[in-house]
Amino acid sequence: YIITPREFLKLLPKLVWYLDEPVADPAAISLYFAARMASEKITVVLSG
């Protein structure tokens, strides 16, 4: 999946709201998209 600049700009306010702080880690963007796609078929994802 390739995130377009338009998708990124549309997502940015929502991502900051969910994280509750500005995050300088660009992995947060891809993690959001991975979690969103996983939520279509998976109820719980554990990491650690």
Protein backbone atom coordinates (compact mmCIF):
# COMPACT_ATOMS: atom_id res chain seq x y z
CA TYR A 1 0.00 0.00 0.00
CA ILE A 2 1.41 3.40 -0.96
CA ILE A 3 0.23 6.41 1.03
CA THR A 4 -0.31 9.40 -1.21
CA PRO A 5 0.50 12.95 -0.11
CA ARG A 6 -3.21 13.72 -0.21
CA GLU A 7 -4.03 10.80 2.11
CA PHE A 8 -1.26 11.86 4.48
CA LEU A 9 -2.51 15.45 4.73
CA LYS A 10 -6.07 14.25 5.23
CA LEU A 11 -4.98 11.80 7.95
CA LEU A 12 -2.61 14.08 9.88
CA PRO A 13 -5.17 15.83 12.14
CA LYS A 14 -6.83 12.49 12.99
CA LEU A 15 -3.48 10.85 13.68
CA VAL A 16 -2.41 13.63 16.05
CA TRP A 17 -5.79 13.40 17.81
CA TYR A 18 -5.50 9.62 18.28
CA LEU A 19 -1.90 9.83 19.51
CA ASP A 20 -2.77 12.77 21.78
CA GLU A 21 0.61 14.37 21.07
CA PRO A 22 2.69 15.39 18.08
CA VAL A 23 4.88 12.41 17.18
CA ALA A 24 8.10 12.75 15.20
CA ASP A 25 8.17 9.04 14.33
CA PRO A 26 7.12 8.54 10.70
CA ALA A 27 6.33 4.87 11.49
CA ALA A 28 3.14 6.06 13.23
CA ILE A 29 1.63 6.78 9.82
CA SER A 30 2.21 3.32 8.38
CA LEU A 31 1.18 1.74 11.70
CA TYR A 32 -2.15 3.58 11.53
CA PHE A 33 -2.82 2.29 8.00
CA ALA A 34 -1.76 -1.26 8.95
CA ALA A 35 -4.05 -1.20 11.98
CA ARG A 36 -6.93 0.17 9.94
CA MET A 37 -6.56 -2.58 7.34
CA ALA A 38 -6.17 -5.26 10.05
CA SER A 39 -9.32 -4.06 11.81
CA GLU A 40 -11.40 -5.15 8.82
CA LYS A 41 -10.85 -8.84 9.71
CA ILE A 42 -9.09 -8.95 13.09
CA THR A 43 -10.60 -7.97 16.44
CA VAL A 44 -7.46 -7.82 18.60
CA VAL A 45 -3.80 -7.30 17.70
CA LEU A 46 -1.15 -7.75 20.38
CA SER A 47 2.36 -6.39 20.12
CA GLY A 48 5.25 -6.02 22.45
